[in-house]
Amino acid sequence: MEEIKDMLPEEEETSIVTFTDENGEDVSFEYLDCIEYEGKEYLCLLPEEEGANEIVILEVEPVDEDNENYLTVEDEATLDAVYAIFKDRFKDILVFED
């Protein structure tokens, strides 16, 4: 896949989100999309590190009115379905390798 960052429209402002991982390290991502699938929301993110081309998908778990957790998606079928929706939404912007 070509560099995703290079293919996103330039006029769109990018949003950077930073999470703290299980080791207490801050990890930054570029926000790409939020997708609803089977009643849940999933964030599609691109790691900020140089050369990153693999999209990260995290499940949004509401905690209360103001807070939410972001969980790693373990189910391959869910990952595939959310990624398929993402690919469909960005098919006119990005070139995907199968």
PDB file of N, CA and C in Angstrom:
ATOM      1  N   MET A   1       0.847  -1.179   0.000  1.00  0.00           N
ATOM      2  CA  MET A   1       0.000   0.000   0.000  1.00  0.00           C
ATOM      3  C   MET A   1       0.885   1.232   0.000  1.00  0.00           C
ATOM      4  N   GLU A   2       0.475   2.228  -0.763  1.00  0.00           N
ATOM      5  CA  GLU A   2       1.225   3.471  -0.749  1.00  0.00           C
ATOM      6  C   GLU A   2       1.115   4.106   0.625  1.00  0.00           C
ATOM      7  N   GLU A   3       1.973   5.071   0.894  1.00  0.00           N
ATOM      8  CA  GLU A   3       1.921   5.771   2.168  1.00  0.00           C
ATOM      9  C   GLU A   3       0.538   6.371   2.349  1.00  0.00           C
ATOM     10  N   ILE A   4      -0.178   5.930   3.368  1.00  0.00           N
ATOM     11  CA  ILE A   4      -1.523   6.428   3.621  1.00  0.00           C
ATOM     12  C   ILE A   4      -1.502   7.927   3.852  1.00  0.00           C
ATOM     13  N   LYS A   5      -0.548   8.412   4.606  1.00  0.00           N
ATOM     14  CA  LYS A   5      -0.470   9.842   4.890  1.00  0.00           C
ATOM     15  C   LYS A   5      -0.349  10.664   3.617  1.00  0.00           C
ATOM     16  N   ASP A   6       0.349  10.124   2.617  1.00  0.00           N
ATOM     17  CA  ASP A   6       0.546  10.840   1.368  1.00  0.00           C
ATOM     18  C   ASP A   6      -0.702  10.841   0.490  1.00  0.00           C
ATOM     19  N   MET A   7      -1.623   9.929   0.747  1.00  0.00           N
ATOM     20  CA  MET A   7      -2.787   9.802  -0.109  1.00  0.00           C
ATOM     21  C   MET A   7      -4.033  10.478   0.440  1.00  0.00           C
ATOM     22  N   LEU A   8      -4.036  10.841   1.716  1.00  0.00           N
ATOM     23  CA  LEU A   8      -5.197  11.513   2.277  1.00  0.00           C
ATOM     24  C   LEU A   8      -5.276  12.929   1.723  1.00  0.00           C
ATOM     25  N   PRO A   9      -6.495  13.415   1.501  1.00  0.00           N
ATOM     26  CA  PRO A   9      -6.620  14.771   0.947  1.00  0.00           C
ATOM     27  C   PRO A   9      -5.933  15.800   1.826  1.00  0.00           C
ATOM     28  N   GLU A  10      -5.154  16.693   1.195  1.00  0.00           N
ATOM     29  CA  GLU A  10      -4.382  17.674   1.938  1.00  0.00           C
ATOM     30  C   GLU A  10      -5.239  18.705   2.640  1.00  0.00           C
ATOM     31  N   GLU A  11      -6.427  19.001   2.077  1.00  0.00           N
ATOM     32  CA  GLU A  11      -7.241  20.039   2.680  1.00  0.00           C
ATOM     33  C   GLU A  11      -7.867  19.606   4.003  1.00  0.00           C
ATOM     34  N   GLU A  12      -7.889  18.308   4.255  1.00  0.00           N
ATOM     35  CA  GLU A  12      -8.453  17.836   5.511  1.00  0.00           C
ATOM     36  C   GLU A  12      -7.425  17.980   6.627  1.00  0.00           C
ATOM     37  N   GLU A  13      -7.885  18.511   7.733  1.00  0.00           N
ATOM     38  CA  GLU A  13      -7.023  18.655   8.895  1.00  0.00           C
ATOM     39  C   GLU A  13      -6.918  17.306   9.594  1.00  0.00           C
ATOM     40  N   THR A  14      -5.732  16.926   9.986  1.00  0.00           N
ATOM     41  CA  THR A  14      -5.562  15.647  10.658  1.00  0.00           C
ATOM     42  C   THR A  14      -5.712  15.820  12.155  1.00  0.00           C
ATOM     43  N   SER A  15      -6.212  14.769  12.780  1.00  0.00           N
ATOM     44  CA  SER A  15      -6.355  14.760  14.230  1.00  0.00           C
ATOM     45  C   SER A  15      -5.406  13.716  14.790  1.00  0.00           C
ATOM     46  N   ILE A  16      -4.638  14.116  15.764  1.00  0.00           N
ATOM     47  CA  ILE A  16      -3.712  13.205  16.420  1.00  0.00           C
ATOM     48  C   ILE A  16      -4.282  12.868  17.797  1.00  0.00           C
ATOM     49  N   VAL A  17      -4.332  11.575  18.093  1.00  0.00           N
ATOM     50  CA  VAL A  17      -4.771  11.126  19.415  1.00  0.00           C
ATOM     51  C   VAL A  17      -3.612  10.376  20.053  1.00  0.00           C
ATOM     52  N   THR A  18      -3.476  10.526  21.345  1.00  0.00           N
ATOM     53  CA  THR A  18      -2.400   9.860  22.073  1.00  0.00           C
ATOM     54  C   THR A  18      -3.006   8.992  23.163  1.00  0.00           C
ATOM     55  N   PHE A  19      -2.583   7.744  23.197  1.00  0.00           N
ATOM     56  CA  PHE A  19      -3.023   6.798  24.205  1.00  0.00           C
ATOM     57  C   PHE A  19      -1.817   6.375  25.035  1.00  0.00           C
ATOM     58  N   THR A  20      -2.071   5.947  26.249  1.00  0.00           N
ATOM     59  CA  THR A  20      -1.034   5.371  27.093  1.00  0.00           C
ATOM     60  C   THR A  20      -1.230   3.865  27.074  1.00  0.00           C
ATOM     61  N   ASP A  21      -0.192   3.138  26.656  1.00  0.00           N
ATOM     62  CA  ASP A  21      -0.322   1.686  26.555  1.00  0.00           C
ATOM     63  C   ASP A  21      -0.149   1.018  27.916  1.00  0.00           C
ATOM     64  N   GLU A  22      -0.218  -0.302  27.925  1.00  0.00           N
ATOM     65  CA  GLU A  22      -0.138  -1.071  29.175  1.00  0.00           C
ATOM     66  C   GLU A  22       1.209  -0.931  29.873  1.00  0.00           C
ATOM     67  N   ASN A  23       2.227  -0.445  29.167  1.00  0.00           N
ATOM     68  CA  ASN A  23       3.549  -0.236  29.761  1.00  0.00           C
ATOM     69  C   ASN A  23       3.759   1.203  30.216  1.00  0.00           C
ATOM     70  N   GLY A  24       2.705   2.031  30.123  1.00  0.00           N
ATOM     71  CA  GLY A  24       2.814   3.422  30.532  1.00  0.00           C
ATOM     72  C   GLY A  24       3.438   4.325  29.483  1.00  0.00           C
ATOM     73  N   GLU A  25       3.643   3.801  28.273  1.00  0.00           N
ATOM     74  CA  GLU A  25       4.233   4.569  27.182  1.00  0.00           C
ATOM     75  C   GLU A  25       3.138   5.281  26.396  1.00  0.00           C
ATOM     76  N   ASP A  26       3.380   6.535  26.026  1.00  0.00           N
ATOM     77  CA  ASP A  26       2.449   7.259  25.176  1.00  0.00           C
ATOM     78  C   ASP A  26       2.677   6.862  23.724  1.00  0.00           C
ATOM     79  N   VAL A  27       1.572   6.585  23.028  1.00  0.00           N
ATOM     80  CA  VAL A  27       1.622   6.204  21.627  1.00  0.00           C
ATOM     81  C   VAL A  27       0.647   7.104  20.874  1.00  0.00           C
ATOM     82  N   SER A  28       1.130   7.774  19.823  1.00  0.00           N
ATOM     83  CA  SER A  28       0.297   8.700  19.059  1.00  0.00           C
ATOM     84  C   SER A  28      -0.153   8.078  17.745  1.00  0.00           C
ATOM     85  N   PHE A  29      -1.390   8.415  17.371  1.00  0.00           N
ATOM     86  CA  PHE A  29      -1.998   7.915  16.150  1.00  0.00           C
ATOM     87  C   PHE A  29      -2.679   9.057  15.418  1.00  0.00           C
ATOM     88  N   GLU A  30      -2.783   8.910  14.112  1.00  0.00           N
ATOM     89  CA  GLU A  30      -3.603   9.810  13.323  1.00  0.00           C
ATOM     90  C   GLU A  30      -4.996   9.188  13.236  1.00  0.00           C
ATOM     91  N   TYR A  31      -6.004   9.964  13.616  1.00  0.00           N
ATOM     92  CA  TYR A  31      -7.386   9.507  13.551  1.00  0.00           C
ATOM     93  C   TYR A  31      -7.814   9.480  12.090  1.00  0.00           C
ATOM     94  N   LEU A  32      -8.342   8.335  11.640  1.00  0.00           N
ATOM     95  CA  LEU A  32      -8.809   8.204  10.271  1.00  0.00           C
ATOM     96  C   LEU A  32     -10.329   8.156  10.175  1.00  0.00           C
ATOM     97  N   ASP A  33     -10.966   7.380  11.063  1.00  0.00           N
ATOM     98  CA  ASP A  33     -12.410   7.207  10.965  1.00  0.00           C
ATOM     99  C   ASP A  33     -12.935   6.539  12.231  1.00  0.00           C
ATOM    100  N   CYS A  34     -14.238   6.695  12.436  1.00  0.00           N
ATOM    101  CA  CYS A  34     -14.951   5.982  13.493  1.00  0.00           C
ATOM    102  C   CYS A  34     -16.077   5.232  12.799  1.00  0.00           C
ATOM    103  N   ILE A  35     -16.130   3.928  12.995  1.00  0.00           N
ATOM    104  CA  ILE A  35     -17.074   3.074  12.281  1.00  0.00           C
ATOM    105  C   ILE A  35     -17.970   2.363  13.281  1.00  0.00           C
ATOM    106  N   GLU A  36     -19.265   2.389  13.007  1.00  0.00           N
ATOM    107  CA  GLU A  36     -20.211   1.635  13.829  1.00  0.00           C
ATOM    108  C   GLU A  36     -20.438   0.281  13.167  1.00  0.00           C
ATOM    109  N   TYR A  37     -20.344  -0.763  13.985  1.00  0.00           N
ATOM    110  CA  TYR A  37     -20.532  -2.118  13.499  1.00  0.00           C
ATOM    111  C   TYR A  37     -21.182  -2.937  14.601  1.00  0.00           C
ATOM    112  N   GLU A  38     -22.308  -3.533  14.283  1.00  0.00           N
ATOM    113  CA  GLU A  38     -23.060  -4.367  15.223  1.00  0.00           C
ATOM    114  C   GLU A  38     -23.264  -3.679  16.572  1.00  0.00           C
ATOM    115  N   GLY A  39     -23.643  -2.411  16.528  1.00  0.00           N
ATOM    116  CA  GLY A  39     -23.988  -1.674  17.744  1.00  0.00           C
ATOM    117  C   GLY A  39     -22.810  -1.151  18.545  1.00  0.00           C
ATOM    118  N   LYS A  40     -21.604  -1.333  18.045  1.00  0.00           N
ATOM    119  CA  LYS A  40     -20.409  -0.841  18.732  1.00  0.00           C
ATOM    120  C   LYS A  40     -19.661   0.105  17.809  1.00  0.00           C
ATOM    121  N   GLU A  41     -18.841   0.970  18.407  1.00  0.00           N
ATOM    122  CA  GLU A  41     -18.021   1.887  17.616  1.00  0.00           C
ATOM    123  C   GLU A  41     -16.569   1.426  17.639  1.00  0.00           C
ATOM    124  N   TYR A  42     -15.910   1.644  16.503  1.00  0.00           N
ATOM    125  CA  TYR A  42     -14.511   1.259  16.354  1.00  0.00           C
ATOM    126  C   TYR A  42     -13.736   2.425  15.752  1.00  0.00           C
ATOM    127  N   LEU A  43     -12.582   2.722  16.334  1.00  0.00           N
ATOM    128  CA  LEU A  43     -11.712   3.755  15.793  1.00  0.00           C
ATOM    129  C   LEU A  43     -10.731   3.122  14.817  1.00  0.00           C
ATOM    130  N   CYS A  44     -10.536   3.769  13.690  1.00  0.00           N
ATOM    131  CA  CYS A  44      -9.508   3.375  12.723  1.00  0.00           C
ATOM    132  C   CYS A  44      -8.407   4.417  12.819  1.00  0.00           C
ATOM    133  N   LEU A  45      -7.219   3.960  13.151  1.00  0.00           N
ATOM    134  CA  LEU A  45      -6.098   4.857  13.426  1.00  0.00           C
ATOM    135  C   LEU A  45      -4.864   4.424  12.651  1.00  0.00           C
ATOM    136  N   LEU A  46      -3.990   5.399  12.408  1.00  0.00           N
ATOM    137  CA  LEU A  46      -2.709   5.122  11.768  1.00  0.00           C
ATOM    138  C   LEU A  46      -1.612   5.541  12.730  1.00  0.00           C
ATOM    139  N   PRO A  47      -0.717   4.618  13.103  1.00  0.00           N
ATOM    140  CA  PRO A  47       0.378   5.002  14.006  1.00  0.00           C
ATOM    141  C   PRO A  47       1.181   6.160  13.436  1.00  0.00           C
ATOM    142  N   GLU A  48       1.592   7.069  14.293  1.00  0.00           N
ATOM    143  CA  GLU A  48       2.352   8.253  13.892  1.00  0.00           C
ATOM    144  C   GLU A  48       3.790   7.938  13.526  1.00  0.00           C
ATOM    145  N   GLU A  49       4.282   6.765  13.883  1.00  0.00           N
ATOM    146  CA  GLU A  49       5.680   6.435  13.619  1.00  0.00           C
ATOM    147  C   GLU A  49       5.962   6.433  12.121  1.00  0.00           C
ATOM    148  N   GLU A  50       7.173   6.794  11.781  1.00  0.00           N
ATOM    149  CA  GLU A  50       7.618   6.899  10.392  1.00  0.00           C
ATOM    150  C   GLU A  50       7.433   5.582   9.658  1.00  0.00           C
ATOM    151  N   GLY A  51       6.823   5.639   8.484  1.00  0.00           N
ATOM    152  CA  GLY A  51       6.671   4.454   7.651  1.00  0.00           C
ATOM    153  C   GLY A  51       5.522   3.541   8.020  1.00  0.00           C
ATOM    154  N   ALA A  52       4.707   3.923   8.994  1.00  0.00           N
ATOM    155  CA  ALA A  52       3.587   3.079   9.410  1.00  0.00           C
ATOM    156  C   ALA A  52       2.531   3.058   8.311  1.00  0.00           C
ATOM    157  N   ASN A  53       2.133   1.869   7.900  1.00  0.00           N
ATOM    158  CA  ASN A  53       1.116   1.703   6.863  1.00  0.00           C
ATOM    159  C   ASN A  53       0.005   0.766   7.303  1.00  0.00           C
ATOM    160  N   GLU A  54       0.067   0.270   8.509  1.00  0.00           N
ATOM    161  CA  GLU A  54      -0.920  -0.681   8.982  1.00  0.00           C
ATOM    162  C   GLU A  54      -1.918   0.019   9.894  1.00  0.00           C
ATOM    163  N   ILE A  55      -3.172  -0.078   9.543  1.00  0.00           N
ATOM    164  CA  ILE A  55      -4.224   0.582  10.308  1.00  0.00           C
ATOM    165  C   ILE A  55      -4.498  -0.200  11.579  1.00  0.00           C
ATOM    166  N   VAL A  56      -4.682   0.528  12.671  1.00  0.00           N
ATOM    167  CA  VAL A  56      -5.022  -0.062  13.965  1.00  0.00           C
ATOM    168  C   VAL A  56      -6.502   0.181  14.202  1.00  0.00           C
ATOM    169  N   ILE A  57      -7.216  -0.861  14.610  1.00  0.00           N
ATOM    170  CA  ILE A  57      -8.640  -0.743  14.907  1.00  0.00           C
ATOM    171  C   ILE A  57      -8.835  -1.030  16.393  1.00  0.00           C
ATOM    172  N   LEU A  58      -9.470  -0.072  17.089  1.00  0.00           N
ATOM    173  CA  LEU A  58      -9.746  -0.212  18.514  1.00  0.00           C
ATOM    174  C   LEU A  58     -11.246  -0.094  18.760  1.00  0.00           C
ATOM    175  N   GLU A  59     -11.759  -0.916  19.670  1.00  0.00           N
ATOM    176  CA  GLU A  59     -13.168  -0.825  20.051  1.00  0.00           C
ATOM    177  C   GLU A  59     -13.333   0.271  21.096  1.00  0.00           C
ATOM    178  N   VAL A  60     -14.370   1.083  20.928  1.00  0.00           N
ATOM    179  CA  VAL A  60     -14.687   2.139  21.886  1.00  0.00           C
ATOM    180  C   VAL A  60     -15.665   1.551  22.904  1.00  0.00           C
ATOM    181  N   GLU A  61     -15.257   1.559  24.174  1.00  0.00           N
ATOM    182  CA  GLU A  61     -16.104   1.049  25.246  1.00  0.00           C
ATOM    183  C   GLU A  61     -16.481   2.211  26.163  1.00  0.00           C
ATOM    184  N   PRO A  62     -17.758   2.652  26.097  1.00  0.00           N
ATOM    185  CA  PRO A  62     -18.166   3.753  26.975  1.00  0.00           C
ATOM    186  C   PRO A  62     -18.080   3.335  28.446  1.00  0.00           C
ATOM    187  N   VAL A  63     -17.520   4.229  29.269  1.00  0.00           N
ATOM    188  CA  VAL A  63     -17.424   3.977  30.701  1.00  0.00           C
ATOM    189  C   VAL A  63     -18.544   4.739  31.416  1.00  0.00           C
ATOM    190  N   ASP A  64     -18.651   6.005  31.100  1.00  0.00           N
ATOM    191  CA  ASP A  64     -19.731   6.846  31.611  1.00  0.00           C
ATOM    192  C   ASP A  64     -19.953   7.972  30.611  1.00  0.00           C
ATOM    193  N   GLU A  65     -20.696   8.971  30.997  1.00  0.00           N
ATOM    194  CA  GLU A  65     -21.054  10.054  30.088  1.00  0.00           C
ATOM    195  C   GLU A  65     -19.850  10.782  29.487  1.00  0.00           C
ATOM    196  N   ASP A  66     -18.749  10.865  30.226  1.00  0.00           N
ATOM    197  CA  ASP A  66     -17.590  11.643  29.792  1.00  0.00           C
ATOM    198  C   ASP A  66     -16.348  10.827  29.461  1.00  0.00           C
ATOM    199  N   ASN A  67     -16.386   9.523  29.696  1.00  0.00           N
ATOM    200  CA  ASN A  67     -15.172   8.712  29.551  1.00  0.00           C
ATOM    201  C   ASN A  67     -15.438   7.453  28.740  1.00  0.00           C
ATOM    202  N   GLU A  68     -14.384   6.979  28.096  1.00  0.00           N
ATOM    203  CA  GLU A  68     -14.463   5.725  27.363  1.00  0.00           C
ATOM    204  C   GLU A  68     -13.101   5.042  27.380  1.00  0.00           C
ATOM    205  N   ASN A  69     -13.142   3.732  27.235  1.00  0.00           N
ATOM    206  CA  ASN A  69     -11.925   2.941  27.112  1.00  0.00           C
ATOM    207  C   ASN A  69     -11.777   2.537  25.656  1.00  0.00           C
ATOM    208  N   TYR A  70     -10.548   2.226  25.258  1.00  0.00           N
ATOM    209  CA  TYR A  70     -10.251   1.803  23.893  1.00  0.00           C
ATOM    210  C   TYR A  70      -9.592   0.433  23.980  1.00  0.00           C
ATOM    211  N   LEU A  71     -10.260  -0.551  23.416  1.00  0.00           N
ATOM    212  CA  LEU A  71      -9.854  -1.936  23.575  1.00  0.00           C
ATOM    213  C   LEU A  71      -9.324  -2.532  22.275  1.00  0.00           C
ATOM    214  N   THR A  72      -8.325  -3.386  22.390  1.00  0.00           N
ATOM    215  CA  THR A  72      -7.829  -4.137  21.252  1.00  0.00           C
ATOM    216  C   THR A  72      -8.915  -5.113  20.812  1.00  0.00           C
ATOM    217  N   VAL A  73      -9.132  -5.208  19.523  1.00  0.00           N
ATOM    218  CA  VAL A  73     -10.138  -6.128  18.984  1.00  0.00           C
ATOM    219  C   VAL A  73      -9.462  -7.469  18.740  1.00  0.00           C
ATOM    220  N   GLU A  74      -9.933  -8.495  19.431  1.00  0.00           N
ATOM    221  CA  GLU A  74      -9.337  -9.829  19.321  1.00  0.00           C
ATOM    222  C   GLU A  74     -10.010 -10.677  18.241  1.00  0.00           C
ATOM    223  N   ASP A  75     -11.283 -10.424  17.969  1.00  0.00           N
ATOM    224  CA  ASP A  75     -12.061 -11.238  17.046  1.00  0.00           C
ATOM    225  C   ASP A  75     -11.709 -10.897  15.595  1.00  0.00           C
ATOM    226  N   GLU A  76     -11.150 -11.868  14.881  1.00  0.00           N
ATOM    227  CA  GLU A  76     -10.715 -11.648  13.499  1.00  0.00           C
ATOM    228  C   GLU A  76     -11.881 -11.287  12.580  1.00  0.00           C
ATOM    229  N   ALA A  77     -13.048 -11.896  12.799  1.00  0.00           N
ATOM    230  CA  ALA A  77     -14.212 -11.603  11.957  1.00  0.00           C
ATOM    231  C   ALA A  77     -14.640 -10.148  12.118  1.00  0.00           C
ATOM    232  N   THR A  78     -14.599  -9.641  13.342  1.00  0.00           N
ATOM    233  CA  THR A  78     -14.944  -8.238  13.592  1.00  0.00           C
ATOM    234  C   THR A  78     -13.919  -7.320  12.946  1.00  0.00           C
ATOM    235  N   LEU A  79     -12.641  -7.623  13.122  1.00  0.00           N
ATOM    236  CA  LEU A  79     -11.582  -6.826  12.493  1.00  0.00           C
ATOM    237  C   LEU A  79     -11.768  -6.782  10.975  1.00  0.00           C
ATOM    238  N   ASP A  80     -12.023  -7.934  10.380  1.00  0.00           N
ATOM    239  CA  ASP A  80     -12.200  -8.004   8.932  1.00  0.00           C
ATOM    240  C   ASP A  80     -13.406  -7.183   8.485  1.00  0.00           C
ATOM    241  N   ALA A  81     -14.507  -7.273   9.232  1.00  0.00           N
ATOM    242  CA  ALA A  81     -15.725  -6.549   8.863  1.00  0.00           C
ATOM    243  C   ALA A  81     -15.526  -5.035   8.971  1.00  0.00           C
ATOM    244  N   VAL A  82     -14.911  -4.584  10.064  1.00  0.00           N
ATOM    245  CA  VAL A  82     -14.673  -3.146  10.254  1.00  0.00           C
ATOM    246  C   VAL A  82     -13.697  -2.640   9.199  1.00  0.00           C
ATOM    247  N   TYR A  83     -12.666  -3.405   8.918  1.00  0.00           N
ATOM    248  CA  TYR A  83     -11.688  -3.007   7.901  1.00  0.00           C
ATOM    249  C   TYR A  83     -12.342  -2.936   6.518  1.00  0.00           C
ATOM    250  N   ALA A  84     -13.255  -3.863   6.229  1.00  0.00           N
ATOM    251  CA  ALA A  84     -13.959  -3.847   4.945  1.00  0.00           C
ATOM    252  C   ALA A  84     -14.798  -2.569   4.805  1.00  0.00           C
ATOM    253  N   ILE A  85     -15.442  -2.148   5.879  1.00  0.00           N
ATOM    254  CA  ILE A  85     -16.209  -0.902   5.862  1.00  0.00           C
ATOM    255  C   ILE A  85     -15.268   0.273   5.634  1.00  0.00           C
ATOM    256  N   PHE A  86     -14.132   0.280   6.337  1.00  0.00           N
ATOM    257  CA  PHE A  86     -13.136   1.342   6.170  1.00  0.00           C
ATOM    258  C   PHE A  86     -12.666   1.407   4.719  1.00  0.00           C
ATOM    259  N   LYS A  87     -12.321   0.250   4.146  1.00  0.00           N
ATOM    260  CA  LYS A  87     -11.851   0.210   2.761  1.00  0.00           C
ATOM    261  C   LYS A  87     -12.906   0.740   1.808  1.00  0.00           C
ATOM    262  N   ASP A  88     -14.161   0.404   2.045  1.00  0.00           N
ATOM    263  CA  ASP A  88     -15.226   0.878   1.181  1.00  0.00           C
ATOM    264  C   ASP A  88     -15.359   2.400   1.263  1.00  0.00           C
ATOM    265  N   ARG A  89     -15.266   2.946   2.468  1.00  0.00           N
ATOM    266  CA  ARG A  89     -15.385   4.397   2.644  1.00  0.00           C
ATOM    267  C   ARG A  89     -14.240   5.160   1.986  1.00  0.00           C
ATOM    268  N   PHE A  90     -13.058   4.563   1.957  1.00  0.00           N
ATOM    269  CA  PHE A  90     -11.870   5.247   1.442  1.00  0.00           C
ATOM    270  C   PHE A  90     -11.436   4.735   0.062  1.00  0.00           C
ATOM    271  N   LYS A  91     -12.295   3.971  -0.601  1.00  0.00           N
ATOM    272  CA  LYS A  91     -11.906   3.351  -1.872  1.00  0.00           C
ATOM    273  C   LYS A  91     -11.537   4.361  -2.951  1.00  0.00           C
ATOM    274  N   ASP A  92     -12.099   5.578  -2.878  1.00  0.00           N
ATOM    275  CA  ASP A  92     -11.790   6.583  -3.875  1.00  0.00           C
ATOM    276  C   ASP A  92     -10.567   7.435  -3.494  1.00  0.00           C
ATOM    277  N   ILE A  93     -10.025   7.209  -2.299  1.00  0.00           N
ATOM    278  CA  ILE A  93      -8.908   8.014  -1.813  1.00  0.00           C
ATOM    279  C   ILE A  93      -7.632   7.188  -1.694  1.00  0.00           C
ATOM    280  N   LEU A  94      -7.757   5.954  -1.231  1.00  0.00           N
ATOM    281  CA  LEU A  94      -6.596   5.106  -0.951  1.00  0.00           C
ATOM    282  C   LEU A  94      -6.574   3.908  -1.890  1.00  0.00           C
ATOM    283  N   VAL A  95      -5.388   3.359  -2.108  1.00  0.00           N
ATOM    284  CA  VAL A  95      -5.216   2.129  -2.869  1.00  0.00           C
ATOM    285  C   VAL A  95      -4.819   1.059  -1.860  1.00  0.00           C
ATOM    286  N   PHE A  96      -5.612  -0.004  -1.806  1.00  0.00           N
ATOM    287  CA  PHE A  96      -5.355  -1.062  -0.837  1.00  0.00           C
ATOM    288  C   PHE A  96      -4.767  -2.288  -1.537  1.00  0.00           C
ATOM    289  N   GLU A  97      -3.830  -2.924  -0.866  1.00  0.00           N
ATOM    290  CA  GLU A  97      -3.269  -4.185  -1.340  1.00  0.00           C
ATOM    291  C   GLU A  97      -3.982  -5.292  -0.610  1.00  0.00           C
ATOM    292  N   ASP A  98      -4.368  -6.325  -1.325  1.00  0.00           N
ATOM    293  CA  ASP A  98      -5.030  -7.470  -0.683  1.00  0.00           C
ATOM    294  C   ASP A  98      -4.041  -8.524  -0.290  1.00  0.00           C
TER     295      ASP A  98
END
